[in-house]
Amino acid sequence: MSDIIIFDTSVLVDHLRTGRYRHRIDQIEGLLRNSSVVLAELWRGAITRADREFLRAFEKNHPSLTPTQANWIQSGHILARLRTERNYDAGKLRDLHFDVLIALLEKNKGTLVKTIGDAVMAVFADDMDGLVASVAILHAFERFRREHPDRERTHIKLGVFGGPCYVVTANGILDYFGQTVNLSARLQGEAKSGELVVVEALADRAVAEKALPEAFVVERYDARLKGVDGAMRVARIRLPARDG
């Protein structure tokens, strides 16, 4: 079986704009494929009609694959080895984490809205899907960071909240606003490293529907959140210490 080669977003964009990697690409032996995650990132940045026409033609002429969780964890190991052997920039980790999150969001019925600094904002039709995706992300992230030399500097904190919101289009891209979005961010702010914080009712529903083990709910408490009158009953979710 031939090796399958999937390009990183920055490499693909640089090549499309400048052709700078043509010689190296011509020497690659294997099947060249595009990552659906990379295409999603390119579509988010496609503002003009020319951009969109280019991407439609690109999708038609180049087969795409969706990397699995195992693929991204493996790529993390490769980056760790490059960092050790070639003094690779650890800042590259953030982009890899985005790829991991995007792949798992898509797998669990989510849609990426935008990245904000080192944060990711996503939307789900059902907040239960958001909880399930978040737990999958916690599993994948913890397995990844245990193998990485920068594990002590690499953390993830998650928050999920369901409700109505405003949807607007800015530069051809959908964005979401309102109290539901604010509360999601407030709950994320309650989380510590390796944790997900949700309203208690959602955690109870997930446990009742066997989507979340009861043991994962490590704390229930009254949270005082900015912009909310009174206390909100929330649940803190964390994986067992020996997960993975």
Protein backbone atom coordinates (compact mmCIF):
# COMPACT_ATOMS: atom_id res chain seq x y z
CA MET A 1 0.00 0.00 0.00
CA SER A 2 1.26 3.48 -0.86
CA ASP A 3 1.87 6.05 1.86
CA ILE A 4 -0.74 8.80 2.10
CA ILE A 5 0.61 12.34 2.42
CA ILE A 6 -1.60 15.09 3.87
CA PHE A 7 -0.33 18.67 3.85
CA ASP A 8 -0.36 21.06 6.78
CA THR A 9 -2.46 24.19 6.11
CA SER A 10 0.49 26.59 6.06
CA VAL A 11 2.45 24.38 3.65
CA LEU A 12 -0.52 24.02 1.32
CA VAL A 13 -1.33 27.74 1.28
CA ASP A 14 2.31 28.72 0.72
CA HIS A 15 2.56 26.24 -2.14
CA LEU A 16 -0.66 27.43 -3.79
CA ARG A 17 0.44 31.07 -3.57
CA THR A 18 4.09 30.77 -4.49
CA GLY A 19 4.82 27.27 -5.77
CA ARG A 20 7.81 27.22 -3.39
CA TYR A 21 7.43 23.52 -2.52
CA ARG A 22 6.92 22.22 -6.05
CA HIS A 23 10.34 20.56 -6.31
CA ARG A 24 9.95 18.75 -2.98
CA ILE A 25 6.36 17.74 -3.74
CA ASP A 26 7.40 16.29 -7.10
CA GLN A 27 9.88 14.05 -5.25
CA ILE A 28 7.28 12.65 -2.84
CA GLU A 29 6.38 9.01 -3.39
CA GLY A 30 2.84 8.26 -2.25
CA LEU A 31 -0.73 9.40 -2.60
CA LEU A 32 -1.23 13.14 -2.13
CA ARG A 33 -4.49 13.98 -0.37
CA ASN A 34 -6.01 17.10 1.14
CA SER A 35 -7.21 17.24 4.73
CA SER A 36 -10.87 18.15 5.19
CA VAL A 37 -9.70 20.15 8.21
CA VAL A 38 -7.36 22.17 6.00
CA LEU A 39 -10.15 22.78 3.49
CA ALA A 40 -12.43 23.94 6.30
CA GLU A 41 -9.78 26.46 7.35
CA LEU A 42 -9.37 27.66 3.77
CA TRP A 43 -13.13 28.06 3.34
CA ARG A 44 -13.32 30.18 6.50
CA GLY A 45 -10.84 32.57 4.91
CA ALA A 46 -12.50 32.59 1.46
CA ILE A 47 -14.01 36.08 1.24
CA THR A 48 -14.00 36.90 -2.47
CA ARG A 49 -15.81 35.14 -5.29
CA ALA A 50 -12.44 34.21 -6.78
CA ASP A 51 -11.44 32.54 -3.52
CA ARG A 52 -14.62 30.47 -3.47
CA GLU A 53 -14.33 29.46 -7.13
CA PHE A 54 -10.74 28.39 -6.56
CA LEU A 55 -11.71 26.21 -3.59
CA ARG A 56 -14.59 24.57 -5.47
CA ALA A 57 -12.19 23.61 -8.26
CA PHE A 58 -9.61 22.52 -5.70
CA GLU A 59 -12.11 20.19 -3.99
CA LYS A 60 -13.18 18.74 -7.32
CA ASN A 61 -9.66 17.97 -8.53
CA HIS A 62 -7.98 16.85 -5.31
CA PRO A 63 -9.38 13.98 -3.18
CA SER A 64 -9.80 14.78 0.51
CA LEU A 65 -9.52 12.78 3.71
CA THR A 66 -10.62 13.50 7.28
CA PRO A 67 -7.71 12.69 9.64
CA THR A 68 -8.62 10.47 12.56
CA GLN A 69 -7.85 11.06 16.21
CA ALA A 70 -5.00 8.55 15.92
CA ASN A 71 -3.54 10.47 12.95
CA TRP A 72 -3.34 13.71 14.95
CA ILE A 73 -1.84 12.02 17.99
CA GLN A 74 0.77 10.43 15.73
CA SER A 75 1.53 13.82 14.19
CA GLY A 76 2.05 15.16 17.71
CA HIS A 77 4.67 12.48 18.33
CA ILE A 78 6.39 13.45 15.09
CA LEU A 79 6.44 17.13 16.12
CA ALA A 80 7.88 16.18 19.51
CA ARG A 81 10.67 14.24 17.82
CA LEU A 82 11.38 17.13 15.44
CA ARG A 83 11.55 19.52 18.37
CA THR A 84 14.08 17.31 20.12
CA GLU A 85 16.19 16.51 17.08
CA ARG A 86 15.96 19.79 15.15
CA ASN A 87 15.01 22.40 17.76
CA TYR A 88 11.52 22.66 16.22
CA ASP A 89 9.41 25.62 17.33
CA ALA A 90 7.04 24.56 20.13
CA GLY A 91 4.65 27.30 19.04
CA LYS A 92 3.59 24.93 16.28
CA LEU A 93 1.72 22.98 18.95
CA ARG A 94 -1.14 25.45 19.01
CA ASP A 95 -1.93 24.85 15.34
CA LEU A 96 -1.79 21.10 15.90
CA HIS A 97 -4.20 21.42 18.83
CA PHE A 98 -6.59 23.35 16.60
CA ASP A 99 -6.44 20.50 14.08
CA VAL A 100 -7.22 17.96 16.80
CA LEU A 101 -10.16 20.01 18.07
CA ILE A 102 -11.59 20.66 14.61
CA ALA A 103 -11.41 16.98 13.63
CA LEU A 104 -13.17 15.88 16.82
CA LEU A 105 -15.79 18.61 16.55
CA GLU A 106 -16.70 17.50 13.03
CA LYS A 107 -16.80 13.86 14.11
CA ASN A 108 -19.27 14.74 16.88
CA LYS A 109 -21.79 16.86 14.90
CA GLY A 110 -20.11 20.18 15.65
CA THR A 111 -19.13 23.08 13.41
CA LEU A 112 -16.18 25.37 13.97
CA VAL A 113 -17.21 29.03 14.18
CA LYS A 114 -13.81 30.67 14.69
CA THR A 115 -10.54 30.62 16.58
CA ILE A 116 -9.80 33.44 19.02
CA GLY A 117 -6.15 33.55 20.05
CA ASP A 118 -5.55 30.08 21.44
CA ALA A 119 -9.29 29.40 21.91
CA VAL A 120 -11.79 27.62 19.67
CA MET A 121 -15.49 28.46 19.38
CA ALA A 122 -17.87 25.82 18.00
CA VAL A 123 -21.63 25.39 17.60
CA PHE A 124 -23.86 22.30 17.96
CA ALA A 125 -27.54 21.72 17.23
CA ASP A 126 -27.86 19.99 20.63
CA ASP A 127 -25.82 20.82 23.74
CA MET A 128 -25.57 17.07 24.43
CA ASP A 129 -23.50 16.73 21.25
CA GLY A 130 -21.29 19.53 22.59
CA LEU A 131 -20.77 17.63 25.83
CA VAL A 132 -19.95 14.37 24.02
CA ALA A 133 -17.49 16.18 21.73
CA SER A 134 -15.86 17.88 24.72
CA VAL A 135 -15.32 14.58 26.53
CA ALA A 136 -13.80 13.10 23.36
CA ILE A 137 -11.47 16.11 23.17
CA LEU A 138 -10.41 15.62 26.81
CA HIS A 139 -9.55 11.97 26.09
CA ALA A 140 -7.53 12.79 22.98
CA PHE A 141 -5.79 15.78 24.50
CA GLU A 142 -4.65 13.97 27.63
CA ARG A 143 -3.22 11.07 25.64
CA PHE A 144 -1.38 13.53 23.42
CA ARG A 145 0.12 15.67 26.18
CA ARG A 146 1.37 12.68 28.19
CA GLU A 147 3.70 11.89 25.30
CA HIS A 148 4.86 15.46 24.66
CA PRO A 149 7.90 17.19 26.23
CA ASP A 150 5.91 20.43 26.63
CA ARG A 151 3.07 18.74 28.53
CA GLU A 152 3.48 20.95 31.60
CA ARG A 153 2.86 24.06 29.49
CA THR A 154 -0.02 22.62 27.46
CA HIS A 155 -3.57 22.74 28.86
CA ILE A 156 -7.17 22.64 27.75
CA LYS A 157 -10.31 24.01 29.45
CA LEU A 158 -13.82 23.53 28.07
CA GLY A 159 -17.29 24.96 28.63
CA VAL A 160 -20.66 24.07 27.04
CA PHE A 161 -23.98 25.91 27.34
CA GLY A 162 -27.16 25.55 25.29
CA GLY A 163 -29.76 28.17 24.39
CA PRO A 164 -30.87 30.77 21.82
CA CYS A 165 -28.41 33.19 20.26
CA TYR A 166 -28.03 35.77 17.52
CA VAL A 167 -26.52 34.64 14.21
CA VAL A 168 -24.92 37.22 11.93
CA THR A 169 -22.84 37.13 8.78
CA ALA A 170 -19.54 39.02 8.79
CA ASN A 171 -17.24 38.90 5.73
CA GLY A 172 -19.23 35.96 4.41
CA ILE A 173 -18.77 33.94 7.62
CA LEU A 174 -21.43 33.08 10.21
CA ASP A 175 -20.80 34.26 13.77
CA TYR A 176 -22.80 33.88 16.98
CA PHE A 177 -23.54 36.38 19.75
CA GLY A 178 -25.72 36.72 22.84
CA GLN A 179 -26.03 35.51 26.40
CA THR A 180 -25.75 31.84 25.40
CA VAL A 181 -22.32 32.51 23.90
CA ASN A 182 -21.31 34.59 26.93
CA LEU A 183 -22.34 31.85 29.35
CA SER A 184 -20.40 29.24 27.41
CA ALA A 185 -17.31 31.40 27.85
CA ARG A 186 -18.08 31.95 31.56
CA LEU A 187 -18.37 28.20 32.13
CA GLN A 188 -15.10 27.64 30.29
CA GLY A 189 -13.56 30.18 32.64
CA GLU A 190 -14.66 28.04 35.59
CA ALA A 191 -12.76 25.03 34.25
CA LYS A 192 -9.29 24.09 35.38
CA SER A 193 -6.74 22.32 33.18
CA GLY A 194 -8.20 19.13 31.71
CA GLU A 195 -11.77 19.95 32.73
CA LEU A 196 -15.19 20.62 31.22
CA VAL A 197 -17.79 22.71 33.09
CA VAL A 198 -21.50 22.56 32.16
CA VAL A 199 -24.80 23.31 33.87
CA GLU A 200 -25.78 20.55 36.28
CA ALA A 201 -28.94 19.70 34.32
CA LEU A 202 -26.89 18.85 31.21
CA ALA A 203 -24.52 16.66 33.21
CA ASP A 204 -27.50 14.83 34.78
CA ARG A 205 -29.03 14.29 31.34
CA ALA A 206 -25.74 12.94 29.98
CA VAL A 207 -25.38 10.52 32.89
CA ALA A 208 -29.01 9.38 32.55
CA GLU A 209 -28.55 8.76 28.81
CA LYS A 210 -25.29 6.84 29.42
CA ALA A 211 -23.33 9.45 27.45
CA LEU A 212 -21.20 10.30 30.50
CA PRO A 213 -20.02 8.06 33.35
CA GLU A 214 -21.16 9.35 36.74
CA ALA A 215 -17.56 9.07 37.99
CA PHE A 216 -16.49 11.78 35.52
CA VAL A 217 -18.59 14.36 37.40
CA VAL A 218 -16.16 15.33 40.13
CA GLU A 219 -17.96 18.35 41.59
CA ARG A 220 -21.37 20.04 41.63
CA TYR A 221 -21.57 23.56 43.00
CA ASP A 222 -23.22 26.97 42.81
CA ALA A 223 -21.21 29.22 40.51
CA ARG A 224 -21.36 33.01 40.52
CA LEU A 225 -20.94 33.99 36.88
CA LYS A 226 -20.47 37.48 35.51
CA GLY A 227 -23.66 38.75 33.88
CA VAL A 228 -25.90 36.27 35.71
CA ASP A 229 -28.19 37.24 38.58
CA GLY A 230 -27.86 34.75 41.40
CA ALA A 231 -26.00 31.45 41.42
CA MET A 232 -25.99 28.91 38.61
CA ARG A 233 -25.81 25.23 39.48
CA VAL A 234 -22.93 23.68 37.50
CA ALA A 235 -20.99 20.44 37.24
CA ARG A 236 -17.26 19.99 36.87
CA ILE A 237 -16.24 17.07 34.61
CA ARG A 238 -12.77 15.54 34.62
CA LEU A 239 -11.37 12.27 33.31
CA PRO A 240 -10.03 9.63 35.71
CA ALA A 241 -6.31 9.99 36.38
CA ARG A 242 -5.43 6.81 34.46
CA ASP A 243 -7.48 7.55 31.33
CA GLY A 244 -6.13 6.48 27.98
